[in-house]
PDB file of N, CA and C in Angstrom:
ATOM      1  N   MET A   1       1.076  -1.237  -0.162  1.00  0.00           N
ATOM      2  CA  MET A   1      -0.238  -0.112   0.080  1.00  0.00           C
ATOM      3  C   MET A   1       0.846   1.105  -0.008  1.00  0.00           C
ATOM      4  N   ARG A   2       0.538   2.184  -0.213  1.00  0.00           N
ATOM      5  CA  ARG A   2       1.212   3.372  -0.659  1.00  0.00           C
ATOM      6  C   ARG A   2       1.133   4.132   0.485  1.00  0.00           C
ATOM      7  N   ILE A   3       2.312   4.729   1.011  1.00  0.00           N
ATOM      8  CA  ILE A   3       2.440   5.386   2.170  1.00  0.00           C
ATOM      9  C   ILE A   3       1.059   6.548   2.230  1.00  0.00           C
ATOM     10  N   ASP A   4       0.954   7.343   1.297  1.00  0.00           N
ATOM     11  CA  ASP A   4       0.027   8.473   1.486  1.00  0.00           C
ATOM     12  C   ASP A   4      -1.269   7.714   1.878  1.00  0.00           C
ATOM     13  N   LYS A   5      -1.725   6.587   1.470  1.00  0.00           N
ATOM     14  CA  LYS A   5      -2.952   5.821   1.730  1.00  0.00           C
ATOM     15  C   LYS A   5      -2.982   5.300   3.032  1.00  0.00           C
ATOM     16  N   TYR A   6      -1.800   4.662   3.336  1.00  0.00           N
ATOM     17  CA  TYR A   6      -1.830   4.110   4.599  1.00  0.00           C
ATOM     18  C   TYR A   6      -1.802   5.236   5.776  1.00  0.00           C
ATOM     19  N   LEU A   7      -1.265   6.410   5.644  1.00  0.00           N
ATOM     20  CA  LEU A   7      -1.573   7.286   6.671  1.00  0.00           C
ATOM     21  C   LEU A   7      -2.980   7.832   6.806  1.00  0.00           C
ATOM     22  N   TRP A   8      -3.525   7.721   5.541  1.00  0.00           N
ATOM     23  CA  TRP A   8      -4.993   8.368   5.585  1.00  0.00           C
ATOM     24  C   TRP A   8      -5.889   6.943   6.093  1.00  0.00           C
ATOM     25  N   CYS A   9      -5.673   5.700   6.018  1.00  0.00           N
ATOM     26  CA  CYS A   9      -6.225   4.653   6.483  1.00  0.00           C
ATOM     27  C   CYS A   9      -6.149   4.577   7.611  1.00  0.00           C
ATOM     28  N   THR A  10      -5.195   4.889   8.382  1.00  0.00           N
ATOM     29  CA  THR A  10      -4.582   4.606  10.005  1.00  0.00           C
ATOM     30  C   THR A  10      -5.009   6.356  10.585  1.00  0.00           C
ATOM     31  N   ARG A  11      -5.596   7.082  10.041  1.00  0.00           N
ATOM     32  CA  ARG A  11      -6.161   8.252  10.547  1.00  0.00           C
ATOM     33  C   ARG A  11      -5.220   9.416  10.906  1.00  0.00           C
ATOM     34  N   TYR A  12      -4.088   9.387  10.272  1.00  0.00           N
ATOM     35  CA  TYR A  12      -2.895  10.342  10.876  1.00  0.00           C
ATOM     36  C   TYR A  12      -3.574  11.619  10.272  1.00  0.00           C
ATOM     37  N   TYR A  13      -4.015  11.491   8.760  1.00  0.00           N
ATOM     38  CA  TYR A  13      -4.438  12.819   8.117  1.00  0.00           C
ATOM     39  C   TYR A  13      -5.802  12.625   7.701  1.00  0.00           C
ATOM     40  N   LYS A  14      -6.608  13.569   7.795  1.00  0.00           N
ATOM     41  CA  LYS A  14      -8.123  13.533   7.492  1.00  0.00           C
ATOM     42  C   LYS A  14      -8.388  13.150   5.933  1.00  0.00           C
ATOM     43  N   THR A  15      -7.702  13.673   4.910  1.00  0.00           N
ATOM     44  CA  THR A  15      -7.854  13.195   3.610  1.00  0.00           C
ATOM     45  C   THR A  15      -6.500  12.563   2.923  1.00  0.00           C
ATOM     46  N   ARG A  16      -6.652  12.348   1.905  1.00  0.00           N
ATOM     47  CA  ARG A  16      -5.606  11.523   1.530  1.00  0.00           C
ATOM     48  C   ARG A  16      -4.718  12.665   1.041  1.00  0.00           C
ATOM     49  N   ASN A  17      -5.024  13.740   0.408  1.00  0.00           N
ATOM     50  CA  ASN A  17      -4.574  14.631  -0.094  1.00  0.00           C
ATOM     51  C   ASN A  17      -3.764  15.376   0.983  1.00  0.00           C
ATOM     52  N   GLN A  18      -4.017  15.598   2.027  1.00  0.00           N
ATOM     53  CA  GLN A  18      -3.265  16.341   2.983  1.00  0.00           C
ATOM     54  C   GLN A  18      -2.068  15.319   3.267  1.00  0.00           C
ATOM     55  N   ALA A  19      -2.199  13.902   3.251  1.00  0.00           N
ATOM     56  CA  ALA A  19      -1.402  12.741   3.459  1.00  0.00           C
ATOM     57  C   ALA A  19      -0.240  12.906   2.251  1.00  0.00           C
ATOM     58  N   THR A  20      -0.639  13.331   1.156  1.00  0.00           N
ATOM     59  CA  THR A  20       0.140  13.463  -0.095  1.00  0.00           C
ATOM     60  C   THR A  20       0.955  14.435  -0.080  1.00  0.00           C
ATOM     61  N   GLU A  21       0.536  15.836   0.557  1.00  0.00           N
ATOM     62  CA  GLU A  21       1.243  17.083   0.931  1.00  0.00           C
ATOM     63  C   GLU A  21       2.354  16.950   1.570  1.00  0.00           C
ATOM     64  N   ALA A  22       2.080  16.147   2.828  1.00  0.00           N
ATOM     65  CA  ALA A  22       3.050  16.104   3.789  1.00  0.00           C
ATOM     66  C   ALA A  22       4.108  15.203   3.248  1.00  0.00           C
ATOM     67  N   CYS A  23       4.008  14.297   2.551  1.00  0.00           N
ATOM     68  CA  CYS A  23       5.045  13.350   1.842  1.00  0.00           C
ATOM     69  C   CYS A  23       5.986  14.412   1.055  1.00  0.00           C
ATOM     70  N   LYS A  24       5.119  15.137   0.015  1.00  0.00           N
ATOM     71  CA  LYS A  24       5.899  15.876  -0.847  1.00  0.00           C
ATOM     72  C   LYS A  24       6.836  17.089  -0.141  1.00  0.00           C
ATOM     73  N   LYS A  25       6.162  17.542   0.978  1.00  0.00           N
ATOM     74  CA  LYS A  25       6.831  18.410   1.746  1.00  0.00           C
ATOM     75  C   LYS A  25       8.188  17.840   2.569  1.00  0.00           C
ATOM     76  N   GLY A  26       8.255  16.687   2.502  1.00  0.00           N
ATOM     77  CA  GLY A  26       9.423  15.870   3.199  1.00  0.00           C
ATOM     78  C   GLY A  26       9.177  15.591   4.788  1.00  0.00           C
ATOM     79  N   GLN A  27       7.869  15.528   5.272  1.00  0.00           N
ATOM     80  CA  GLN A  27       7.454  15.487   6.481  1.00  0.00           C
ATOM     81  C   GLN A  27       7.146  13.996   7.042  1.00  0.00           C
ATOM     82  N   VAL A  28       7.219  13.050   6.185  1.00  0.00           N
ATOM     83  CA  VAL A  28       7.511  11.848   6.414  1.00  0.00           C
ATOM     84  C   VAL A  28       8.669  10.965   5.811  1.00  0.00           C
ATOM     85  N   GLN A  29       8.650  10.227   6.673  1.00  0.00           N
ATOM     86  CA  GLN A  29      10.381   9.142   6.507  1.00  0.00           C
ATOM     87  C   GLN A  29       9.690   7.781   6.662  1.00  0.00           C
ATOM     88  N   VAL A  30      10.307   6.889   5.826  1.00  0.00           N
ATOM     89  CA  VAL A  30      10.161   5.503   6.119  1.00  0.00           C
ATOM     90  C   VAL A  30      11.579   4.624   6.106  1.00  0.00           C
ATOM     91  N   ASN A  31      11.632   4.089   7.398  1.00  0.00           N
ATOM     92  CA  ASN A  31      13.168   3.692   7.369  1.00  0.00           C
ATOM     93  C   ASN A  31      13.968   4.472   7.486  1.00  0.00           C
ATOM     94  N   GLY A  32      13.888   5.843   8.150  1.00  0.00           N
ATOM     95  CA  GLY A  32      15.177   6.595   7.847  1.00  0.00           C
ATOM     96  C   GLY A  32      15.041   7.529   6.572  1.00  0.00           C
ATOM     97  N   GLN A  33      14.360   7.187   5.570  1.00  0.00           N
ATOM     98  CA  GLN A  33      14.695   7.926   4.305  1.00  0.00           C
ATOM     99  C   GLN A  33      13.329   8.775   4.286  1.00  0.00           C
ATOM    100  N   VAL A  34      13.483   9.770   3.609  1.00  0.00           N
ATOM    101  CA  VAL A  34      12.101  10.773   3.217  1.00  0.00           C
ATOM    102  C   VAL A  34      11.202   9.925   1.946  1.00  0.00           C
ATOM    103  N   ALA A  35      10.203   9.880   2.396  1.00  0.00           N
ATOM    104  CA  ALA A  35       9.284   8.930   1.477  1.00  0.00           C
ATOM    105  C   ALA A  35       8.430   9.824   0.781  1.00  0.00           C
ATOM    106  N   LYS A  36       8.511   9.491  -0.970  1.00  0.00           N
ATOM    107  CA  LYS A  36       7.464   9.893  -1.707  1.00  0.00           C
ATOM    108  C   LYS A  36       6.050   9.433  -1.651  1.00  0.00           C
ATOM    109  N   PRO A  37       4.858  10.136  -2.047  1.00  0.00           N
ATOM    110  CA  PRO A  37       3.957   9.615  -1.634  1.00  0.00           C
ATOM    111  C   PRO A  37       3.319   8.066  -2.042  1.00  0.00           C
ATOM    112  N   SER A  38       4.183   7.889  -3.418  1.00  0.00           N
ATOM    113  CA  SER A  38       4.092   6.808  -3.924  1.00  0.00           C
ATOM    114  C   SER A  38       4.623   5.775  -3.293  1.00  0.00           C
ATOM    115  N   ARG A  39       5.651   5.634  -2.090  1.00  0.00           N
ATOM    116  CA  ARG A  39       6.450   4.731  -1.626  1.00  0.00           C
ATOM    117  C   ARG A  39       5.881   3.537  -0.763  1.00  0.00           C
ATOM    118  N   GLU A  40       5.891   2.555  -1.165  1.00  0.00           N
ATOM    119  CA  GLU A  40       5.093   1.193  -0.664  1.00  0.00           C
ATOM    120  C   GLU A  40       5.496   1.109   0.925  1.00  0.00           C
ATOM    121  N   VAL A  41       4.575   0.663   1.573  1.00  0.00           N
ATOM    122  CA  VAL A  41       4.974   0.405   2.924  1.00  0.00           C
ATOM    123  C   VAL A  41       4.516  -0.899   3.228  1.00  0.00           C
ATOM    124  N   PHE A  42       5.272  -1.688   4.246  1.00  0.00           N
ATOM    125  CA  PHE A  42       5.173  -3.090   4.328  1.00  0.00           C
ATOM    126  C   PHE A  42       5.187  -3.454   5.760  1.00  0.00           C
ATOM    127  N   PRO A  43       4.551  -4.246   6.501  1.00  0.00           N
ATOM    128  CA  PRO A  43       4.507  -4.815   7.949  1.00  0.00           C
ATOM    129  C   PRO A  43       6.147  -4.750   8.067  1.00  0.00           C
ATOM    130  N   SER A  44       6.044  -4.029   9.500  1.00  0.00           N
ATOM    131  CA  SER A  44       7.491  -3.898  10.005  1.00  0.00           C
ATOM    132  C   SER A  44       8.222  -2.510   9.739  1.00  0.00           C
ATOM    133  N   ASP A  45       7.798  -1.897   8.833  1.00  0.00           N
ATOM    134  CA  ASP A  45       8.164  -0.787   8.511  1.00  0.00           C
ATOM    135  C   ASP A  45       8.321   0.052   9.561  1.00  0.00           C
ATOM    136  N   GLU A  46       9.439   1.450   9.795  1.00  0.00           N
ATOM    137  CA  GLU A  46       9.496   2.141  10.547  1.00  0.00           C
ATOM    138  C   GLU A  46       8.844   3.488  10.005  1.00  0.00           C
ATOM    139  N   ILE A  47       7.701   4.224  10.679  1.00  0.00           N
ATOM    140  CA  ILE A  47       7.588   5.340   9.928  1.00  0.00           C
ATOM    141  C   ILE A  47       7.672   6.485  11.113  1.00  0.00           C
ATOM    142  N   ARG A  48       8.112   7.781  10.658  1.00  0.00           N
ATOM    143  CA  ARG A  48       8.382   9.045  11.402  1.00  0.00           C
ATOM    144  C   ARG A  48       7.466  10.081  10.536  1.00  0.00           C
ATOM    145  N   LEU A  49       6.861  10.814  11.254  1.00  0.00           N
ATOM    146  CA  LEU A  49       6.086  12.121  10.391  1.00  0.00           C
ATOM    147  C   LEU A  49       5.925  12.982  11.487  1.00  0.00           C
ATOM    148  N   ARG A  50       6.014  14.423  10.544  1.00  0.00           N
ATOM    149  CA  ARG A  50       6.030  15.587  11.629  1.00  0.00           C
ATOM    150  C   ARG A  50       4.814  15.976  11.311  1.00  0.00           C
ATOM    151  N   LYS A  51       3.618  16.039  12.236  1.00  0.00           N
ATOM    152  CA  LYS A  51       2.399  16.908  12.148  1.00  0.00           C
ATOM    153  C   LYS A  51       2.049  17.686  13.488  1.00  0.00           C
ATOM    154  N   ASN A  52       1.609  19.107  13.493  1.00  0.00           N
ATOM    155  CA  ASN A  52       1.204  19.739  14.309  1.00  0.00           C
ATOM    156  C   ASN A  52       2.641  20.102  15.465  1.00  0.00           C
ATOM    157  N   GLN A  53       3.818  20.244  14.840  1.00  0.00           N
ATOM    158  CA  GLN A  53       4.791  20.316  15.566  1.00  0.00           C
ATOM    159  C   GLN A  53       4.974  18.926  16.657  1.00  0.00           C
ATOM    160  N   ILE A  54       4.741  18.138  16.118  1.00  0.00           N
ATOM    161  CA  ILE A  54       5.019  16.336  16.781  1.00  0.00           C
ATOM    162  C   ILE A  54       5.546  15.746  15.956  1.00  0.00           C
ATOM    163  N   ASP A  55       6.559  14.944  16.385  1.00  0.00           N
ATOM    164  CA  ASP A  55       7.151  13.994  15.484  1.00  0.00           C
ATOM    165  C   ASP A  55       6.795  12.605  15.961  1.00  0.00           C
ATOM    166  N   TYR A  56       5.666  12.263  14.972  1.00  0.00           N
ATOM    167  CA  TYR A  56       5.231  10.916  15.637  1.00  0.00           C
ATOM    168  C   TYR A  56       6.188  10.089  14.871  1.00  0.00           C
ATOM    169  N   GLN A  57       6.048   8.445  15.891  1.00  0.00           N
ATOM    170  CA  GLN A  57       6.975   7.346  15.632  1.00  0.00           C
ATOM    171  C   GLN A  57       6.132   6.131  15.504  1.00  0.00           C
ATOM    172  N   LEU A  58       5.849   5.492  14.294  1.00  0.00           N
ATOM    173  CA  LEU A  58       5.036   4.261  14.570  1.00  0.00           C
ATOM    174  C   LEU A  58       5.740   3.173  13.569  1.00  0.00           C
ATOM    175  N   THR A  59       4.974   1.994  13.917  1.00  0.00           N
ATOM    176  CA  THR A  59       5.829   0.738  13.130  1.00  0.00           C
ATOM    177  C   THR A  59       4.506   0.218  12.385  1.00  0.00           C
ATOM    178  N   VAL A  60       4.535  -0.274  11.484  1.00  0.00           N
ATOM    179  CA  VAL A  60       3.482  -0.733  10.470  1.00  0.00           C
ATOM    180  C   VAL A  60       3.146  -2.372  10.904  1.00  0.00           C
ATOM    181  N   LEU A  61       2.031  -2.576  11.496  1.00  0.00           N
ATOM    182  CA  LEU A  61       1.625  -4.080  11.876  1.00  0.00           C
ATOM    183  C   LEU A  61       1.035  -4.823  10.945  1.00  0.00           C
ATOM    184  N   GLU A  62      -0.010  -4.305  10.206  1.00  0.00           N
ATOM    185  CA  GLU A  62      -0.790  -4.702   9.119  1.00  0.00           C
ATOM    186  C   GLU A  62      -0.933  -3.814   8.343  1.00  0.00           C
ATOM    187  N   ILE A  63      -1.372  -3.939   7.097  1.00  0.00           N
ATOM    188  CA  ILE A  63      -1.904  -3.196   5.810  1.00  0.00           C
ATOM    189  C   ILE A  63      -3.506  -3.396   5.868  1.00  0.00           C
ATOM    190  N   PRO A  64      -4.025  -2.072   6.019  1.00  0.00           N
ATOM    191  CA  PRO A  64      -5.499  -2.252   6.231  1.00  0.00           C
ATOM    192  C   PRO A  64      -5.964  -2.302   4.757  1.00  0.00           C
ATOM    193  N   GLU A  65      -7.331  -2.918   4.569  1.00  0.00           N
ATOM    194  CA  GLU A  65      -7.835  -2.729   3.202  1.00  0.00           C
ATOM    195  C   GLU A  65      -8.599  -1.607   2.479  1.00  0.00           C
ATOM    196  N   SER A  66      -9.130  -0.967   3.747  1.00  0.00           N
ATOM    197  CA  SER A  66      -9.585   0.518   3.739  1.00  0.00           C
ATOM    198  C   SER A  66      -9.203   1.182   4.891  1.00  0.00           C
ATOM    199  N   ARG A  67      -9.983   2.749   4.820  1.00  0.00           N
ATOM    200  CA  ARG A  67      -9.786   3.434   6.095  1.00  0.00           C
ATOM    201  C   ARG A  67     -10.694   2.848   7.130  1.00  0.00           C
ATOM    202  N   VAL A  68      -9.747   2.585   8.302  1.00  0.00           N
ATOM    203  CA  VAL A  68     -10.373   1.892   9.595  1.00  0.00           C
ATOM    204  C   VAL A  68     -11.069   2.656  10.803  1.00  0.00           C
ATOM    205  N   GLY A  69     -11.842   2.349  11.459  1.00  0.00           N
ATOM    206  CA  GLY A  69     -12.592   2.859  12.678  1.00  0.00           C
ATOM    207  C   GLY A  69     -11.331   3.142  13.711  1.00  0.00           C
ATOM    208  N   ALA A  70     -11.657   4.544  14.298  1.00  0.00           N
ATOM    209  CA  ALA A  70     -10.523   4.693  15.265  1.00  0.00           C
ATOM    210  C   ALA A  70     -10.588   3.724  16.402  1.00  0.00           C
ATOM    211  N   LYS A  71     -11.356   3.016  16.970  1.00  0.00           N
ATOM    212  CA  LYS A  71     -11.138   2.074  17.875  1.00  0.00           C
ATOM    213  C   LYS A  71     -10.252   0.888  17.169  1.00  0.00           C
ATOM    214  N   ILE A  72      -9.977   0.262  16.345  1.00  0.00           N
ATOM    215  CA  ILE A  72      -9.421  -0.385  15.741  1.00  0.00           C
ATOM    216  C   ILE A  72      -7.899  -0.288  14.960  1.00  0.00           C
ATOM    217  N   VAL A  73      -7.742   1.066  14.985  1.00  0.00           N
ATOM    218  CA  VAL A  73      -6.662   1.695  14.454  1.00  0.00           C
ATOM    219  C   VAL A  73      -5.510   1.130  14.883  1.00  0.00           C
ATOM    220  N   GLY A  74      -5.403   0.667  16.277  1.00  0.00           N
ATOM    221  CA  GLY A  74      -4.285  -0.162  16.884  1.00  0.00           C
ATOM    222  C   GLY A  74      -3.916  -1.205  16.193  1.00  0.00           C
ATOM    223  N   LEU A  75      -4.588  -1.876  15.687  1.00  0.00           N
ATOM    224  CA  LEU A  75      -4.109  -3.460  15.034  1.00  0.00           C
ATOM    225  C   LEU A  75      -3.354  -3.244  13.733  1.00  0.00           C
ATOM    226  N   TYR A  76      -3.583  -1.881  13.413  1.00  0.00           N
ATOM    227  CA  TYR A  76      -2.597  -2.084  11.975  1.00  0.00           C
ATOM    228  C   TYR A  76      -1.333  -1.214  12.048  1.00  0.00           C
ATOM    229  N   ARG A  77      -1.237  -0.182  13.404  1.00  0.00           N
ATOM    230  CA  ARG A  77       0.032   0.160  13.712  1.00  0.00           C
ATOM    231  C   ARG A  77       0.633   0.171  15.293  1.00  0.00           C
ATOM    232  N   ASN A  78       1.695   0.342  15.422  1.00  0.00           N
ATOM    233  CA  ASN A  78       2.222   0.432  16.924  1.00  0.00           C
ATOM    234  C   ASN A  78       2.957   1.814  16.988  1.00  0.00           C
ATOM    235  N   ASP A  79       1.932   2.829  17.863  1.00  0.00           N
ATOM    236  CA  ASP A  79       2.386   4.297  17.980  1.00  0.00           C
ATOM    237  C   ASP A  79       3.648   4.274  19.181  1.00  0.00           C
ATOM    238  N   THR A  80       4.887   4.636  18.592  1.00  0.00           N
ATOM    239  CA  THR A  80       5.959   4.513  19.570  1.00  0.00           C
ATOM    240  C   THR A  80       6.445   6.052  19.916  1.00  0.00           C
ATOM    241  N   THR A  81       5.596   6.830  19.890  1.00  0.00           N
ATOM    242  CA  THR A  81       6.005   8.317  20.177  1.00  0.00           C
ATOM    243  C   THR A  81       6.288   8.455  21.384  1.00  0.00           C
ATOM    244  N   PRO A  82       7.522   9.223  21.827  1.00  0.00           N
ATOM    245  CA  PRO A  82       7.532   9.731  23.033  1.00  0.00           C
ATOM    246  C   PRO A  82       6.553  10.467  23.927  1.00  0.00           C
ATOM    247  N   GLU A  83       6.439  10.167  25.143  1.00  0.00           N
ATOM    248  CA  GLU A  83       5.404  11.002  25.751  1.00  0.00           C
ATOM    249  C   GLU A  83       5.631  12.243  25.883  1.00  0.00           C
ATOM    250  N   GLU A  84       6.847  12.713  26.163  1.00  0.00           N
ATOM    251  CA  GLU A  84       7.133  14.020  26.177  1.00  0.00           C
ATOM    252  C   GLU A  84       6.873  14.774  24.756  1.00  0.00           C
ATOM    253  N   ALA A  85       7.060  14.357  23.590  1.00  0.00           N
ATOM    254  CA  ALA A  85       6.321  14.745  22.225  1.00  0.00           C
ATOM    255  C   ALA A  85       5.023  15.229  22.469  1.00  0.00           C
ATOM    256  N   LEU A  86       4.037  14.240  23.052  1.00  0.00           N
ATOM    257  CA  LEU A  86       2.812  14.639  23.063  1.00  0.00           C
ATOM    258  C   LEU A  86       2.268  15.462  24.472  1.00  0.00           C
ATOM    259  N   GLN A  87       3.368  15.521  25.421  1.00  0.00           N
ATOM    260  CA  GLN A  87       2.821  16.432  26.331  1.00  0.00           C
ATOM    261  C   GLN A  87       3.167  17.699  26.036  1.00  0.00           C
ATOM    262  N   HIS A  88       4.181  18.201  25.252  1.00  0.00           N
ATOM    263  CA  HIS A  88       4.580  19.466  24.755  1.00  0.00           C
ATOM    264  C   HIS A  88       3.311  20.149  23.909  1.00  0.00           C
ATOM    265  N   GLN A  89       2.843  19.189  23.124  1.00  0.00           N
ATOM    266  CA  GLN A  89       1.638  19.643  22.331  1.00  0.00           C
ATOM    267  C   GLN A  89       0.479  20.097  23.350  1.00  0.00           C
ATOM    268  N   GLU A  90       0.119  19.587  24.591  1.00  0.00           N
ATOM    269  CA  GLU A  90      -0.933  19.855  25.269  1.00  0.00           C
ATOM    270  C   GLU A  90      -0.644  21.036  26.178  1.00  0.00           C
ATOM    271  N   ILE A  91       0.547  21.433  26.362  1.00  0.00           N
ATOM    272  CA  ILE A  91       1.270  22.723  27.038  1.00  0.00           C
ATOM    273  C   ILE A  91       0.730  23.802  26.396  1.00  0.00           C
ATOM    274  N   GLN A  92       0.683  23.737  24.682  1.00  0.00           N
ATOM    275  CA  GLN A  92       0.481  24.842  24.120  1.00  0.00           C
ATOM    276  C   GLN A  92      -1.011  25.072  23.896  1.00  0.00           C
TER     277      GLN A  92
END
């Protein structure tokens, strides 16, 4: 699955176009390399993305068929974002 579609399916972006733009701006990395929107992702890939001044880190667990509900998004990715990064957002 394409990285832009994966990020949309796992609800990191509200639209696929937003995910595509983030990739084009260099805000998304897969396994340490800046990813184009068409970059394929596979289980066990490490993804880093910058959104709203937070550096998210996640590991791909499974590839979803389509956009998933918020309650089951944890089945498809393991979010390893440091707690300090999330607390920084709450302060502002």
